Amino acid sequence: MTVRVRRIYDAVEDTDGKRVLVDRLWPRGVSKQHAQLDEWCKEVAPSNELREWYGHDPARYDEFARRYREELQQPERAEALARLKKLTNGTLTLLTATKQAGISQAAVLAEVLE
């Protein structure tokens, strides 16, 4: 499986494969038609407490990633993660609304899935 991380605001590409939104909240200004999702897996998103603590501060990314990996072991998130692993044998594109996708929960998920 190839896992990609992209912003939901980016144009859909033929190479996206299965497109899955991994944010807890629906992104502002994006219609469901424009998103062209195969799934919205909000159960795999970090807790509100962790998300708010992190605030996409690059200096906190390593600690965020560590804490988020711990959260992914909780039953509901572990089940959602297992569902993501089963989605495709091809390309899986994890989508997020964050401006810095490379330091988002989607980036952590991509590392975990690969």
PDB file of N, CA and C in Angstrom:
ATOM      1  N   MET A   1       0.845  -1.176   0.000  1.00  0.00           N
ATOM      2  CA  MET A   1       0.000   0.000   0.000  1.00  0.00           C
ATOM      3  C   MET A   1       0.890   1.238   0.000  1.00  0.00           C
ATOM      4  N   THR A   2       0.538   2.202  -0.821  1.00  0.00           N
ATOM      5  CA  THR A   2       1.194   3.504  -0.832  1.00  0.00           C
ATOM      6  C   THR A   2       0.283   4.482  -0.115  1.00  0.00           C
ATOM      7  N   VAL A   3       0.826   5.222   0.840  1.00  0.00           N
ATOM      8  CA  VAL A   3       0.030   6.181   1.595  1.00  0.00           C
ATOM      9  C   VAL A   3       0.536   7.582   1.278  1.00  0.00           C
ATOM     10  N   ARG A   4      -0.391   8.431   0.884  1.00  0.00           N
ATOM     11  CA  ARG A   4      -0.073   9.829   0.584  1.00  0.00           C
ATOM     12  C   ARG A   4      -0.799  10.725   1.580  1.00  0.00           C
ATOM     13  N   VAL A   5      -0.254  11.911   1.792  1.00  0.00           N
ATOM     14  CA  VAL A   5      -0.894  12.915   2.642  1.00  0.00           C
ATOM     15  C   VAL A   5      -1.083  14.162   1.798  1.00  0.00           C
ATOM     16  N   ARG A   6      -2.316  14.645   1.771  1.00  0.00           N
ATOM     17  CA  ARG A   6      -2.619  15.849   0.986  1.00  0.00           C
ATOM     18  C   ARG A   6      -3.637  16.694   1.726  1.00  0.00           C
ATOM     19  N   ARG A   7      -3.743  17.937   1.298  1.00  0.00           N
ATOM     20  CA  ARG A   7      -4.775  18.818   1.845  1.00  0.00           C
ATOM     21  C   ARG A   7      -6.078  18.579   1.089  1.00  0.00           C
ATOM     22  N   ILE A   8      -7.182  18.641   1.797  1.00  0.00           N
ATOM     23  CA  ILE A   8      -8.478  18.435   1.162  1.00  0.00           C
ATOM     24  C   ILE A   8      -8.796  19.561   0.179  1.00  0.00           C
ATOM     25  N   TYR A   9      -8.136  20.698   0.327  1.00  0.00           N
ATOM     26  CA  TYR A   9      -8.359  21.839  -0.550  1.00  0.00           C
ATOM     27  C   TYR A   9      -7.629  21.689  -1.885  1.00  0.00           C
ATOM     28  N   ASP A  10      -6.695  20.726  -1.980  1.00  0.00           N
ATOM     29  CA  ASP A  10      -5.972  20.492  -3.230  1.00  0.00           C
ATOM     30  C   ASP A  10      -6.894  19.805  -4.236  1.00  0.00           C
ATOM     31  N   ALA A  11      -6.622  20.024  -5.513  1.00  0.00           N
ATOM     32  CA  ALA A  11      -7.413  19.390  -6.566  1.00  0.00           C
ATOM     33  C   ALA A  11      -7.235  17.870  -6.516  1.00  0.00           C
ATOM     34  N   VAL A  12      -8.296  17.165  -6.834  1.00  0.00           N
ATOM     35  CA  VAL A  12      -8.258  15.710  -6.895  1.00  0.00           C
ATOM     36  C   VAL A  12      -7.310  15.299  -8.023  1.00  0.00           C
ATOM     37  N   GLU A  13      -6.505  14.269  -7.762  1.00  0.00           N
ATOM     38  CA  GLU A  13      -5.591  13.751  -8.779  1.00  0.00           C
ATOM     39  C   GLU A  13      -5.946  12.304  -9.100  1.00  0.00           C
ATOM     40  N   ASP A  14      -5.672  11.896 -10.318  1.00  0.00           N
ATOM     41  CA  ASP A  14      -5.942  10.517 -10.738  1.00  0.00           C
ATOM     42  C   ASP A  14      -5.171   9.512  -9.890  1.00  0.00           C
ATOM     43  N   THR A  15      -4.040   9.931  -9.347  1.00  0.00           N
ATOM     44  CA  THR A  15      -3.179   9.026  -8.571  1.00  0.00           C
ATOM     45  C   THR A  15      -3.565   8.952  -7.097  1.00  0.00           C
ATOM     46  N   ASP A  16      -4.651   9.603  -6.694  1.00  0.00           N
ATOM     47  CA  ASP A  16      -5.054   9.617  -5.283  1.00  0.00           C
ATOM     48  C   ASP A  16      -5.493   8.249  -4.763  1.00  0.00           C
ATOM     49  N   GLY A  17      -6.015   7.413  -5.605  1.00  0.00           N
ATOM     50  CA  GLY A  17      -6.544   6.139  -5.118  1.00  0.00           C
ATOM     51  C   GLY A  17      -7.740   6.387  -4.205  1.00  0.00           C
ATOM     52  N   LYS A  18      -7.809   5.677  -3.089  1.00  0.00           N
ATOM     53  CA  LYS A  18      -8.876   5.899  -2.108  1.00  0.00           C
ATOM     54  C   LYS A  18      -8.584   7.187  -1.347  1.00  0.00           C
ATOM     55  N   ARG A  19      -9.586   8.054  -1.264  1.00  0.00           N
ATOM     56  CA  ARG A  19      -9.446   9.344  -0.589  1.00  0.00           C
ATOM     57  C   ARG A  19     -10.209   9.305   0.728  1.00  0.00           C
ATOM     58  N   VAL A  20      -9.478   9.534   1.838  1.00  0.00           N
ATOM     59  CA  VAL A  20     -10.088   9.448   3.163  1.00  0.00           C
ATOM     60  C   VAL A  20      -9.752  10.703   3.965  1.00  0.00           C
ATOM     61  N   LEU A  21     -10.783  11.394   4.416  1.00  0.00           N
ATOM     62  CA  LEU A  21     -10.609  12.539   5.305  1.00  0.00           C
ATOM     63  C   LEU A  21     -10.385  12.006   6.713  1.00  0.00           C
ATOM     64  N   VAL A  22      -9.303  12.455   7.371  1.00  0.00           N
ATOM     65  CA  VAL A  22      -8.975  11.948   8.704  1.00  0.00           C
ATOM     66  C   VAL A  22      -9.050  13.041   9.772  1.00  0.00           C
ATOM     67  N   ASP A  23      -9.782  14.103   9.500  1.00  0.00           N
ATOM     68  CA  ASP A  23     -10.013  15.170  10.475  1.00  0.00           C
ATOM     69  C   ASP A  23     -11.310  14.880  11.229  1.00  0.00           C
ATOM     70  N   ARG A  24     -11.371  15.291  12.481  1.00  0.00           N
ATOM     71  CA  ARG A  24     -12.581  15.123  13.279  1.00  0.00           C
ATOM     72  C   ARG A  24     -13.685  16.069  12.816  1.00  0.00           C
ATOM     73  N   LEU A  25     -13.293  17.257  12.382  1.00  0.00           N
ATOM     74  CA  LEU A  25     -14.253  18.271  11.951  1.00  0.00           C
ATOM     75  C   LEU A  25     -14.257  18.393  10.433  1.00  0.00           C
ATOM     76  N   TRP A  26     -15.454  18.644   9.871  1.00  0.00           N
ATOM     77  CA  TRP A  26     -15.539  18.835   8.425  1.00  0.00           C
ATOM     78  C   TRP A  26     -14.854  20.158   8.069  1.00  0.00           C
ATOM     79  N   PRO A  27     -14.042  20.174   7.015  1.00  0.00           N
ATOM     80  CA  PRO A  27     -13.306  21.384   6.641  1.00  0.00           C
ATOM     81  C   PRO A  27     -14.219  22.496   6.128  1.00  0.00           C
ATOM     82  N   ARG A  28     -13.893  23.699   6.523  1.00  0.00           N
ATOM     83  CA  ARG A  28     -14.673  24.866   6.108  1.00  0.00           C
ATOM     84  C   ARG A  28     -14.570  25.084   4.599  1.00  0.00           C
ATOM     85  N   GLY A  29     -15.699  25.416   4.020  1.00  0.00           N
ATOM     86  CA  GLY A  29     -15.727  25.811   2.619  1.00  0.00           C
ATOM     87  C   GLY A  29     -15.573  24.680   1.617  1.00  0.00           C
ATOM     88  N   VAL A  30     -15.667  23.432   2.057  1.00  0.00           N
ATOM     89  CA  VAL A  30     -15.519  22.296   1.142  1.00  0.00           C
ATOM     90  C   VAL A  30     -16.848  21.544   1.079  1.00  0.00           C
ATOM     91  N   SER A  31     -17.379  21.443  -0.129  1.00  0.00           N
ATOM     92  CA  SER A  31     -18.612  20.669  -0.282  1.00  0.00           C
ATOM     93  C   SER A  31     -18.263  19.188  -0.374  1.00  0.00           C
ATOM     94  N   LYS A  32     -19.222  18.361  -0.046  1.00  0.00           N
ATOM     95  CA  LYS A  32     -18.984  16.920  -0.129  1.00  0.00           C
ATOM     96  C   LYS A  32     -18.724  16.506  -1.574  1.00  0.00           C
ATOM     97  N   GLN A  33     -19.357  17.192  -2.513  1.00  0.00           N
ATOM     98  CA  GLN A  33     -19.135  16.889  -3.925  1.00  0.00           C
ATOM     99  C   GLN A  33     -17.695  17.221  -4.319  1.00  0.00           C
ATOM    100  N   HIS A  34     -17.194  18.367  -3.895  1.00  0.00           N
ATOM    101  CA  HIS A  34     -15.823  18.773  -4.222  1.00  0.00           C
ATOM    102  C   HIS A  34     -14.802  17.846  -3.563  1.00  0.00           C
ATOM    103  N   ALA A  35     -15.088  17.372  -2.374  1.00  0.00           N
ATOM    104  CA  ALA A  35     -14.141  16.545  -1.627  1.00  0.00           C
ATOM    105  C   ALA A  35     -13.897  15.193  -2.309  1.00  0.00           C
ATOM    106  N   GLN A  36     -14.915  14.651  -2.946  1.00  0.00           N
ATOM    107  CA  GLN A  36     -14.818  13.360  -3.633  1.00  0.00           C
ATOM    108  C   GLN A  36     -14.165  12.295  -2.744  1.00  0.00           C
ATOM    109  N   LEU A  37     -14.741  12.121  -1.560  1.00  0.00           N
ATOM    110  CA  LEU A  37     -14.200  11.176  -0.580  1.00  0.00           C
ATOM    111  C   LEU A  37     -14.720   9.765  -0.798  1.00  0.00           C
ATOM    112  N   ASP A  38     -13.877   8.815  -0.440  1.00  0.00           N
ATOM    113  CA  ASP A  38     -14.331   7.433  -0.345  1.00  0.00           C
ATOM    114  C   ASP A  38     -14.805   7.159   1.083  1.00  0.00           C
ATOM    115  N   GLU A  39     -14.261   7.925   2.031  1.00  0.00           N
ATOM    116  CA  GLU A  39     -14.649   7.751   3.426  1.00  0.00           C
ATOM    117  C   GLU A  39     -14.224   8.979   4.235  1.00  0.00           C
ATOM    118  N   TRP A  40     -14.986   9.234   5.295  1.00  0.00           N
ATOM    119  CA  TRP A  40     -14.603  10.223   6.305  1.00  0.00           C
ATOM    120  C   TRP A  40     -14.396   9.439   7.583  1.00  0.00           C
ATOM    121  N   CYS A  41     -13.160   9.279   7.979  1.00  0.00           N
ATOM    122  CA  CYS A  41     -12.815   8.446   9.133  1.00  0.00           C
ATOM    123  C   CYS A  41     -12.458   9.342  10.320  1.00  0.00           C
ATOM    124  N   LYS A  42     -13.465  10.023  10.864  1.00  0.00           N
ATOM    125  CA  LYS A  42     -13.215  10.955  11.966  1.00  0.00           C
ATOM    126  C   LYS A  42     -12.865  10.245  13.274  1.00  0.00           C
ATOM    127  N   GLU A  43     -13.187   8.945  13.370  1.00  0.00           N
ATOM    128  CA  GLU A  43     -12.887   8.189  14.593  1.00  0.00           C
ATOM    129  C   GLU A  43     -11.378   8.017  14.814  1.00  0.00           C
ATOM    130  N   VAL A  44     -10.596   8.141  13.753  1.00  0.00           N
ATOM    131  CA  VAL A  44      -9.155   7.951  13.865  1.00  0.00           C
ATOM    132  C   VAL A  44      -8.437   9.263  14.226  1.00  0.00           C
ATOM    133  N   ALA A  45      -9.160  10.349  14.237  1.00  0.00           N
ATOM    134  CA  ALA A  45      -8.565  11.664  14.530  1.00  0.00           C
ATOM    135  C   ALA A  45      -8.136  11.763  16.000  1.00  0.00           C
ATOM    136  N   PRO A  46      -7.174  12.634  16.280  1.00  0.00           N
ATOM    137  CA  PRO A  46      -6.760  12.824  17.673  1.00  0.00           C
ATOM    138  C   PRO A  46      -7.888  13.407  18.520  1.00  0.00           C
ATOM    139  N   SER A  47      -7.782  13.208  19.811  1.00  0.00           N
ATOM    140  CA  SER A  47      -8.778  13.772  20.730  1.00  0.00           C
ATOM    141  C   SER A  47      -8.776  15.297  20.628  1.00  0.00           C
ATOM    142  N   ASN A  48      -9.894  15.894  21.007  1.00  0.00           N
ATOM    143  CA  ASN A  48      -9.970  17.357  20.999  1.00  0.00           C
ATOM    144  C   ASN A  48      -8.909  17.968  21.903  1.00  0.00           C
ATOM    145  N   GLU A  49      -8.673  17.335  23.050  1.00  0.00           N
ATOM    146  CA  GLU A  49      -7.680  17.853  23.992  1.00  0.00           C
ATOM    147  C   GLU A  49      -6.282  17.867  23.368  1.00  0.00           C
ATOM    148  N   LEU A  50      -5.908  16.777  22.705  1.00  0.00           N
ATOM    149  CA  LEU A  50      -4.594  16.705  22.076  1.00  0.00           C
ATOM    150  C   LEU A  50      -4.500  17.678  20.909  1.00  0.00           C
ATOM    151  N   ARG A  51      -5.529  17.735  20.122  1.00  0.00           N
ATOM    152  CA  ARG A  51      -5.554  18.641  18.967  1.00  0.00           C
ATOM    153  C   ARG A  51      -5.405  20.096  19.408  1.00  0.00           C
ATOM    154  N   GLU A  52      -6.136  20.480  20.445  1.00  0.00           N
ATOM    155  CA  GLU A  52      -6.068  21.858  20.932  1.00  0.00           C
ATOM    156  C   GLU A  52      -4.713  22.153  21.571  1.00  0.00           C
ATOM    157  N   TRP A  53      -4.159  21.190  22.312  1.00  0.00           N
ATOM    158  CA  TRP A  53      -2.837  21.384  22.914  1.00  0.00           C
ATOM    159  C   TRP A  53      -1.789  21.595  21.829  1.00  0.00           C
ATOM    160  N   TYR A  54      -1.851  20.781  20.783  1.00  0.00           N
ATOM    161  CA  TYR A  54      -0.856  20.840  19.707  1.00  0.00           C
ATOM    162  C   TYR A  54      -0.927  22.161  18.944  1.00  0.00           C
ATOM    163  N   GLY A  55      -2.103  22.532  18.487  1.00  0.00           N
ATOM    164  CA  GLY A  55      -2.278  23.784  17.765  1.00  0.00           C
ATOM    165  C   GLY A  55      -1.400  23.921  16.529  1.00  0.00           C
ATOM    166  N   HIS A  56      -0.926  22.821  15.988  1.00  0.00           N
ATOM    167  CA  HIS A  56      -0.048  22.790  14.815  1.00  0.00           C
ATOM    168  C   HIS A  56       1.222  23.608  15.006  1.00  0.00           C
ATOM    169  N   ASP A  57       1.704  23.617  16.233  1.00  0.00           N
ATOM    170  CA  ASP A  57       2.965  24.277  16.563  1.00  0.00           C
ATOM    171  C   ASP A  57       4.103  23.330  16.181  1.00  0.00           C
ATOM    172  N   PRO A  58       4.922  23.686  15.180  1.00  0.00           N
ATOM    173  CA  PRO A  58       5.996  22.780  14.747  1.00  0.00           C
ATOM    174  C   PRO A  58       6.912  22.327  15.885  1.00  0.00           C
ATOM    175  N   ALA A  59       7.104  23.164  16.884  1.00  0.00           N
ATOM    176  CA  ALA A  59       7.974  22.797  18.009  1.00  0.00           C
ATOM    177  C   ALA A  59       7.366  21.671  18.848  1.00  0.00           C
ATOM    178  N   ARG A  60       6.055  21.475  18.758  1.00  0.00           N
ATOM    179  CA  ARG A  60       5.372  20.430  19.533  1.00  0.00           C
ATOM    180  C   ARG A  60       5.096  19.156  18.725  1.00  0.00           C
ATOM    181  N   TYR A  61       5.500  19.130  17.464  1.00  0.00           N
ATOM    182  CA  TYR A  61       5.130  18.005  16.596  1.00  0.00           C
ATOM    183  C   TYR A  61       5.609  16.659  17.123  1.00  0.00           C
ATOM    184  N   ASP A  62       6.847  16.547  17.524  1.00  0.00           N
ATOM    185  CA  ASP A  62       7.358  15.248  17.984  1.00  0.00           C
ATOM    186  C   ASP A  62       6.569  14.724  19.177  1.00  0.00           C
ATOM    187  N   GLU A  63       6.282  15.605  20.122  1.00  0.00           N
ATOM    188  CA  GLU A  63       5.496  15.192  21.294  1.00  0.00           C
ATOM    189  C   GLU A  63       4.061  14.883  20.888  1.00  0.00           C
ATOM    190  N   PHE A  64       3.503  15.680  19.973  1.00  0.00           N
ATOM    191  CA  PHE A  64       2.160  15.404  19.454  1.00  0.00           C
ATOM    192  C   PHE A  64       2.115  14.015  18.818  1.00  0.00           C
ATOM    193  N   ALA A  65       3.105  13.716  17.972  1.00  0.00           N
ATOM    194  CA  ALA A  65       3.136  12.426  17.284  1.00  0.00           C
ATOM    195  C   ALA A  65       3.209  11.278  18.294  1.00  0.00           C
ATOM    196  N   ARG A  66       4.008  11.433  19.326  1.00  0.00           N
ATOM    197  CA  ARG A  66       4.128  10.399  20.355  1.00  0.00           C
ATOM    198  C   ARG A  66       2.795  10.182  21.064  1.00  0.00           C
ATOM    199  N   ARG A  67       2.172  11.278  21.490  1.00  0.00           N
ATOM    200  CA  ARG A  67       0.891  11.171  22.194  1.00  0.00           C
ATOM    201  C   ARG A  67      -0.209  10.615  21.289  1.00  0.00           C
ATOM    202  N   TYR A  68      -0.179  11.029  20.033  1.00  0.00           N
ATOM    203  CA  TYR A  68      -1.200  10.561  19.094  1.00  0.00           C
ATOM    204  C   TYR A  68      -1.049   9.064  18.838  1.00  0.00           C
ATOM    205  N   ARG A  69       0.173   8.584  18.716  1.00  0.00           N
ATOM    206  CA  ARG A  69       0.387   7.142  18.553  1.00  0.00           C
ATOM    207  C   ARG A  69      -0.169   6.380  19.752  1.00  0.00           C
ATOM    208  N   GLU A  70      -0.035   6.949  20.939  1.00  0.00           N
ATOM    209  CA  GLU A  70      -0.626   6.325  22.135  1.00  0.00           C
ATOM    210  C   GLU A  70      -2.146   6.288  22.014  1.00  0.00           C
ATOM    211  N   GLU A  71      -2.734   7.410  21.564  1.00  0.00           N
ATOM    212  CA  GLU A  71      -4.189   7.456  21.411  1.00  0.00           C
ATOM    213  C   GLU A  71      -4.674   6.434  20.380  1.00  0.00           C
ATOM    214  N   LEU A  72      -3.880   6.175  19.370  1.00  0.00           N
ATOM    215  CA  LEU A  72      -4.272   5.229  18.328  1.00  0.00           C
ATOM    216  C   LEU A  72      -4.403   3.800  18.862  1.00  0.00           C
ATOM    217  N   GLN A  73      -3.934   3.561  20.069  1.00  0.00           N
ATOM    218  CA  GLN A  73      -4.066   2.245  20.686  1.00  0.00           C
ATOM    219  C   GLN A  73      -5.395   2.092  21.428  1.00  0.00           C
ATOM    220  N   GLN A  74      -6.121   3.190  21.629  1.00  0.00           N
ATOM    221  CA  GLN A  74      -7.425   3.120  22.282  1.00  0.00           C
ATOM    222  C   GLN A  74      -8.392   2.376  21.362  1.00  0.00           C
ATOM    223  N   PRO A  75      -9.323   1.608  21.917  1.00  0.00           N
ATOM    224  CA  PRO A  75     -10.170   0.713  21.115  1.00  0.00           C
ATOM    225  C   PRO A  75     -10.851   1.362  19.903  1.00  0.00           C
ATOM    226  N   GLU A  76     -11.517   2.495  20.079  1.00  0.00           N
ATOM    227  CA  GLU A  76     -12.241   3.103  18.961  1.00  0.00           C
ATOM    228  C   GLU A  76     -11.282   3.532  17.847  1.00  0.00           C
ATOM    229  N   ARG A  77     -10.169   4.142  18.236  1.00  0.00           N
ATOM    230  CA  ARG A  77      -9.201   4.583  17.235  1.00  0.00           C
ATOM    231  C   ARG A  77      -8.479   3.397  16.603  1.00  0.00           C
ATOM    232  N   ALA A  78      -8.163   2.387  17.380  1.00  0.00           N
ATOM    233  CA  ALA A  78      -7.501   1.190  16.854  1.00  0.00           C
ATOM    234  C   ALA A  78      -8.392   0.497  15.824  1.00  0.00           C
ATOM    235  N   GLU A  79      -9.679   0.462  16.089  1.00  0.00           N
ATOM    236  CA  GLU A  79     -10.625  -0.135  15.147  1.00  0.00           C
ATOM    237  C   GLU A  79     -10.677   0.669  13.852  1.00  0.00           C
ATOM    238  N   ALA A  80     -10.715   1.990  13.971  1.00  0.00           N
ATOM    239  CA  ALA A  80     -10.732   2.857  12.787  1.00  0.00           C
ATOM    240  C   ALA A  80      -9.433   2.711  11.990  1.00  0.00           C
ATOM    241  N   LEU A  81      -8.314   2.610  12.688  1.00  0.00           N
ATOM    242  CA  LEU A  81      -7.021   2.426  12.035  1.00  0.00           C
ATOM    243  C   LEU A  81      -6.991   1.102  11.276  1.00  0.00           C
ATOM    244  N   ALA A  82      -7.520   0.055  11.871  1.00  0.00           N
ATOM    245  CA  ALA A  82      -7.577  -1.250  11.207  1.00  0.00           C
ATOM    246  C   ALA A  82      -8.442  -1.170   9.946  1.00  0.00           C
ATOM    247  N   ARG A  83      -9.522  -0.406  10.021  1.00  0.00           N
ATOM    248  CA  ARG A  83     -10.392  -0.223   8.853  1.00  0.00           C
ATOM    249  C   ARG A  83      -9.645   0.490   7.729  1.00  0.00           C
ATOM    250  N   LEU A  84      -8.822   1.489   8.086  1.00  0.00           N
ATOM    251  CA  LEU A  84      -8.019   2.182   7.076  1.00  0.00           C
ATOM    252  C   LEU A  84      -7.042   1.221   6.403  1.00  0.00           C
ATOM    253  N   LYS A  85      -6.435   0.353   7.175  1.00  0.00           N
ATOM    254  CA  LYS A  85      -5.467  -0.608   6.624  1.00  0.00           C
ATOM    255  C   LYS A  85      -6.110  -1.542   5.607  1.00  0.00           C
ATOM    256  N   LYS A  86      -7.396  -1.801   5.766  1.00  0.00           N
ATOM    257  CA  LYS A  86      -8.096  -2.734   4.882  1.00  0.00           C
ATOM    258  C   LYS A  86      -8.687  -2.062   3.643  1.00  0.00           C
ATOM    259  N   LEU A  87      -8.633  -0.752   3.578  1.00  0.00           N
ATOM    260  CA  LEU A  87      -9.308  -0.037   2.495  1.00  0.00           C
ATOM    261  C   LEU A  87      -8.782  -0.366   1.105  1.00  0.00           C
ATOM    262  N   THR A  88      -7.502  -0.530   0.968  1.00  0.00           N
ATOM    263  CA  THR A  88      -6.956  -0.711  -0.370  1.00  0.00           C
ATOM    264  C   THR A  88      -5.604  -1.395  -0.342  1.00  0.00           C
ATOM    265  N   ASN A  89      -5.295  -2.034  -1.435  1.00  0.00           N
ATOM    266  CA  ASN A  89      -3.954  -2.567  -1.640  1.00  0.00           C
ATOM    267  C   ASN A  89      -3.151  -1.625  -2.513  1.00  0.00           C
ATOM    268  N   GLY A  90      -3.803  -0.603  -3.024  1.00  0.00           N
ATOM    269  CA  GLY A  90      -3.152   0.368  -3.902  1.00  0.00           C
ATOM    270  C   GLY A  90      -2.761   1.622  -3.143  1.00  0.00           C
ATOM    271  N   THR A  91      -3.219   2.756  -3.635  1.00  0.00           N
ATOM    272  CA  THR A  91      -2.877   4.041  -3.031  1.00  0.00           C
ATOM    273  C   THR A  91      -3.995   4.507  -2.106  1.00  0.00           C
ATOM    274  N   LEU A  92      -3.585   4.973  -0.945  1.00  0.00           N
ATOM    275  CA  LEU A  92      -4.499   5.551   0.033  1.00  0.00           C
ATOM    276  C   LEU A  92      -4.051   6.980   0.271  1.00  0.00           C
ATOM    277  N   THR A  93      -4.938   7.940   0.025  1.00  0.00           N
ATOM    278  CA  THR A  93      -4.616   9.341   0.249  1.00  0.00           C
ATOM    279  C   THR A  93      -5.357   9.825   1.484  1.00  0.00           C
ATOM    280  N   LEU A  94      -4.583  10.197   2.507  1.00  0.00           N
ATOM    281  CA  LEU A  94      -5.142  10.732   3.741  1.00  0.00           C
ATOM    282  C   LEU A  94      -5.258  12.234   3.585  1.00  0.00           C
ATOM    283  N   LEU A  95      -6.456  12.745   3.800  1.00  0.00           N
ATOM    284  CA  LEU A  95      -6.730  14.163   3.593  1.00  0.00           C
ATOM    285  C   LEU A  95      -6.941  14.880   4.908  1.00  0.00           C
ATOM    286  N   THR A  96      -6.432  16.097   4.958  1.00  0.00           N
ATOM    287  CA  THR A  96      -6.584  16.939   6.133  1.00  0.00           C
ATOM    288  C   THR A  96      -6.780  18.378   5.684  1.00  0.00           C
ATOM    289  N   ALA A  97      -7.407  19.170   6.530  1.00  0.00           N
ATOM    290  CA  ALA A  97      -7.629  20.572   6.211  1.00  0.00           C
ATOM    291  C   ALA A  97      -6.478  21.463   6.682  1.00  0.00           C
ATOM    292  N   THR A  98      -5.603  20.931   7.501  1.00  0.00           N
ATOM    293  CA  THR A  98      -4.531  21.745   8.052  1.00  0.00           C
ATOM    294  C   THR A  98      -3.649  22.338   6.962  1.00  0.00           C
ATOM    295  N   LYS A  99      -3.095  23.511   7.232  1.00  0.00           N
ATOM    296  CA  LYS A  99      -2.230  24.182   6.254  1.00  0.00           C
ATOM    297  C   LYS A  99      -0.891  23.481   6.105  1.00  0.00           C
ATOM    298  N   GLN A 100      -0.436  22.798   7.145  1.00  0.00           N
ATOM    299  CA  GLN A 100       0.854  22.114   7.116  1.00  0.00           C
ATOM    300  C   GLN A 100       0.625  20.611   7.243  1.00  0.00           C
ATOM    301  N   ALA A 101       0.254  19.985   6.142  1.00  0.00           N
ATOM    302  CA  ALA A 101      -0.089  18.563   6.161  1.00  0.00           C
ATOM    303  C   ALA A 101       1.076  17.697   6.619  1.00  0.00           C
ATOM    304  N   GLY A 102       2.302  18.136   6.404  1.00  0.00           N
ATOM    305  CA  GLY A 102       3.473  17.354   6.783  1.00  0.00           C
ATOM    306  C   GLY A 102       3.684  17.228   8.278  1.00  0.00           C
ATOM    307  N   ILE A 103       3.003  18.072   9.063  1.00  0.00           N
ATOM    308  CA  ILE A 103       3.099  17.981  10.523  1.00  0.00           C
ATOM    309  C   ILE A 103       1.702  17.838  11.135  1.00  0.00           C
ATOM    310  N   SER A 104       0.882  17.054  10.475  1.00  0.00           N
ATOM    311  CA  SER A 104      -0.498  16.851  10.919  1.00  0.00           C
ATOM    312  C   SER A 104      -0.705  15.413  11.393  1.00  0.00           C
ATOM    313  N   GLN A 105      -1.896  15.139  11.884  1.00  0.00           N
ATOM    314  CA  GLN A 105      -2.222  13.768  12.252  1.00  0.00           C
ATOM    315  C   GLN A 105      -2.191  12.869  11.032  1.00  0.00           C
ATOM    316  N   ALA A 106      -2.481  13.406   9.854  1.00  0.00           N
ATOM    317  CA  ALA A 106      -2.417  12.604   8.644  1.00  0.00           C
ATOM    318  C   ALA A 106      -0.993  12.106   8.386  1.00  0.00           C
ATOM    319  N   ALA A 107      -0.002  12.943   8.659  1.00  0.00           N
ATOM    320  CA  ALA A 107       1.401  12.541   8.484  1.00  0.00           C
ATOM    321  C   ALA A 107       1.766  11.419   9.460  1.00  0.00           C
ATOM    322  N   VAL A 108       1.297  11.526  10.698  1.00  0.00           N
ATOM    323  CA  VAL A 108       1.557  10.489  11.690  1.00  0.00           C
ATOM    324  C   VAL A 108       0.868   9.188  11.253  1.00  0.00           C
ATOM    325  N   LEU A 109      -0.375   9.288  10.816  1.00  0.00           N
ATOM    326  CA  LEU A 109      -1.105   8.105  10.348  1.00  0.00           C
ATOM    327  C   LEU A 109      -0.399   7.435   9.173  1.00  0.00           C
ATOM    328  N   ALA A 110       0.118   8.239   8.255  1.00  0.00           N
ATOM    329  CA  ALA A 110       0.811   7.681   7.098  1.00  0.00           C
ATOM    330  C   ALA A 110       2.020   6.857   7.558  1.00  0.00           C
ATOM    331  N   GLU A 111       2.754   7.365   8.534  1.00  0.00           N
ATOM    332  CA  GLU A 111       3.910   6.627   9.065  1.00  0.00           C
ATOM    333  C   GLU A 111       3.444   5.315   9.723  1.00  0.00           C
ATOM    334  N   VAL A 112       2.376   5.376  10.478  1.00  0.00           N
ATOM    335  CA  VAL A 112       1.858   4.196  11.160  1.00  0.00           C
ATOM    336  C   VAL A 112       1.376   3.153  10.149  1.00  0.00           C
ATOM    337  N   LEU A 113       0.704   3.600   9.093  1.00  0.00           N
ATOM    338  CA  LEU A 113       0.152   2.683   8.101  1.00  0.00           C
ATOM    339  C   LEU A 113       1.219   2.061   7.206  1.00  0.00           C
ATOM    340  N   GLU A 114       2.299   2.771   7.004  1.00  0.00           N
ATOM    341  CA  GLU A 114       3.361   2.233   6.141  1.00  0.00           C
ATOM    342  C   GLU A 114       4.227   1.336   6.975  1.00  0.00           C
TER     343      GLU A 114
END
